[in-house]
Protein backbone atom coordinates (compact mmCIF):
# COMPACT_ATOMS: atom_id res chain seq x y z
CA MET A 1 6.03 -12.76 -5.20
CA THR A 2 3.83 -14.16 -2.38
CA TYR A 3 3.36 -12.55 0.48
CA GLU A 4 5.15 -15.21 2.63
CA GLU A 5 7.89 -15.10 0.39
CA TRP A 6 7.87 -11.01 0.44
CA GLU A 7 7.87 -11.69 4.37
CA ALA A 8 10.26 -13.88 4.92
CA SER A 9 12.85 -11.20 3.02
CA VAL A 10 12.23 -8.65 5.14
CA PRO A 11 15.08 -7.96 8.04
CA ALA A 12 14.17 -8.76 11.30
CA VAL A 13 14.85 -5.27 12.69
CA LEU A 14 12.37 -3.99 10.55
CA ARG A 15 10.10 -6.75 11.18
CA LYS A 16 10.99 -6.04 15.39
CA ASP A 17 9.72 -2.06 14.99
CA VAL A 18 5.94 -1.00 16.51
CA ILE A 19 4.98 0.10 13.16
CA TRP A 20 5.23 -3.88 12.00
CA ARG A 21 2.35 -4.63 13.74
CA VAL A 22 -0.36 -2.92 12.08
CA GLN A 23 -1.35 -5.40 8.97
CA ALA A 24 -2.17 -2.28 7.00
CA PHE A 25 1.39 -1.38 7.15
CA ARG A 26 2.78 -4.73 6.17
CA LEU A 27 0.04 -5.03 3.45
CA GLY A 28 1.13 -2.12 1.91
CA SER A 29 4.65 -2.76 2.02
CA PHE A 30 4.20 -5.81 0.63
CA LEU A 31 2.11 -4.12 -2.04
CA ALA A 32 5.18 -1.21 -2.47
CA ALA A 33 7.33 -4.32 -3.08
CA ALA A 34 4.95 -6.29 -5.55
CA ALA A 35 3.97 -3.85 -7.78
CA GLN A 36 7.59 -3.48 -8.53
CA HIS A 37 8.27 -7.02 -8.88
CA ASP A 38 4.92 -7.20 -10.90
CA THR A 39 6.44 -4.44 -13.47
CA ASP A 40 10.16 -5.47 -14.13
CA ASN A 41 9.46 -7.21 -17.43
CA LEU A 42 7.07 -3.53 -18.47
CA VAL A 43 10.10 -1.01 -17.62
CA SER A 44 11.48 -1.74 -20.77
CA ASP A 45 8.72 -0.66 -22.90
CA LYS A 46 9.05 3.07 -23.17
CA ARG A 47 5.29 3.04 -24.17
CA LEU A 48 4.17 1.66 -20.43
CA LEU A 49 7.23 3.72 -18.32
CA ARG A 50 4.80 6.52 -17.00
CA SER A 51 1.83 3.74 -15.81
CA VAL A 52 4.53 1.68 -14.01
CA THR A 53 6.49 4.59 -12.53
CA GLN A 54 3.07 5.63 -11.48
CA LEU A 55 1.63 1.83 -10.61
CA CYS A 56 4.83 2.22 -7.71
CA ASP A 57 4.52 5.40 -6.60
CA ALA A 58 0.73 4.79 -5.45
CA ALA A 59 1.89 1.47 -3.74
CA GLY A 60 5.29 3.15 -2.16
CA SER A 61 2.55 5.88 -0.69
CA VAL A 62 0.45 3.20 1.02
CA PRO A 63 2.54 2.41 3.48
CA ALA A 64 4.94 5.77 4.13
CA HIS A 65 1.41 7.89 4.42
CA ILE A 66 0.15 4.86 7.23
CA SER A 67 3.90 5.11 8.78
CA GLU A 68 3.68 8.91 9.25
CA GLY A 69 -0.16 9.31 10.36
CA TYR A 70 0.69 6.64 12.65
CA VAL A 71 3.24 8.73 15.07
CA LYS A 72 1.16 11.46 14.83
CA LEU A 73 -0.34 13.01 17.89
CA SER A 74 -3.80 13.91 17.07
CA PRO A 75 -6.79 11.43 15.80
CA ARG A 76 -7.82 14.14 13.27
CA ASP A 77 -3.66 14.51 12.03
CA ARG A 78 -3.44 10.33 12.05
CA VAL A 79 -6.89 10.45 9.88
CA ARG A 80 -5.59 12.68 7.21
CA TYR A 81 -2.22 10.57 6.39
CA TYR A 82 -4.70 7.59 6.43
CA GLY A 83 -6.98 9.27 3.99
CA TYR A 84 -3.86 9.48 2.27
CA SER A 85 -3.14 6.13 2.12
CA HIS A 86 -6.29 5.21 1.39
CA GLY A 87 -6.25 7.14 -1.97
CA SER A 88 -2.70 5.60 -2.96
CA ALA A 89 -4.37 2.18 -2.51
CA ALA A 90 -7.27 3.65 -4.61
CA GLU A 91 -4.84 4.84 -7.43
CA SER A 92 -2.51 1.88 -7.51
CA ARG A 93 -5.73 -0.46 -8.49
CA SER A 94 -6.21 2.34 -11.05
CA TRP A 95 -2.75 1.91 -12.36
CA TYR A 96 -3.00 -2.13 -11.89
CA LEU A 97 -6.11 -1.98 -13.89
CA THR A 98 -4.27 0.53 -16.55
CA LEU A 99 -1.77 -2.38 -16.69
CA HIS A 100 -4.15 -5.28 -16.84
CA ARG A 101 -3.08 -6.15 -20.53
CA HIS A 102 0.47 -6.46 -19.81
CA LEU A 103 -0.07 -8.75 -16.65
CA PRO A 104 -1.50 -12.33 -16.00
CA GLU A 105 -4.76 -12.75 -14.99
CA PRO A 106 -4.31 -14.67 -11.56
CA LEU A 107 -1.69 -12.10 -10.63
CA LEU A 108 -3.91 -8.77 -11.27
CA THR A 109 -6.72 -10.78 -9.17
CA SER A 110 -4.36 -11.06 -6.36
CA ARG A 111 -3.37 -7.80 -6.26
CA ILE A 112 -6.79 -6.55 -6.66
CA ASP A 113 -7.98 -8.50 -3.68
CA LEU A 114 -5.08 -7.00 -1.55
CA ILE A 115 -5.78 -3.60 -2.30
CA ARG A 116 -8.96 -4.07 -1.37
CA SER A 117 -7.78 -5.74 1.92
CA ILE A 118 -5.65 -2.21 2.46
CA ILE A 119 -8.63 0.08 1.61
CA ARG A 120 -11.02 -2.00 4.38
CA LEU A 121 -8.11 -1.82 6.89
CA LEU A 122 -8.15 1.95 6.13
CA GLN A 123 -11.73 2.87 6.45
CA THR A 124 -11.92 0.60 9.80
CA MET A 125 -8.47 2.67 11.11
CA ILE A 126 -10.08 5.97 9.86
CA ARG A 127 -13.28 4.89 11.57
CA SER A 128 -11.57 4.44 14.56
CA GLU A 129 -9.75 7.88 14.72
CA ARG A 130 -12.66 10.33 13.88
CA ASP A 131 -14.54 8.78 17.48
CA LYS A 132 -11.47 9.66 19.08
CA PRO A 133 -11.11 13.17 20.93
CA ASP A 134 -7.84 15.76 19.64
CA PRO A 135 -6.02 16.15 22.75
CA PRO A 136 -5.99 19.12 24.46
């Protein structure tokens, strides 16, 4: 599944939401969907079930924490949630690496590149929020 294929499947009502403007959220949402799609054929192997579940949980936490942090009033609170998202992205990378023998190399490379992009965006968002004062 490509980003373009995934984005075309997202209902218009969701693409009109204010959070959709946040690139890290969009990419994180794609990562969550991609992790599920990438591991569809692995869930039948009981030896891999825990790793697949952990990957999907970590990937799903990326956009969830961005969304939760985005609505916080305090920059300090936004930094905290963006930090959680950053950690979940790093965890997703680790689970992809754990499952690498069961995934095609081009797919793995694409997902690791996606995660790197998400991490870079989150680092920028965190730095930006740290420079803002908390409201009185």
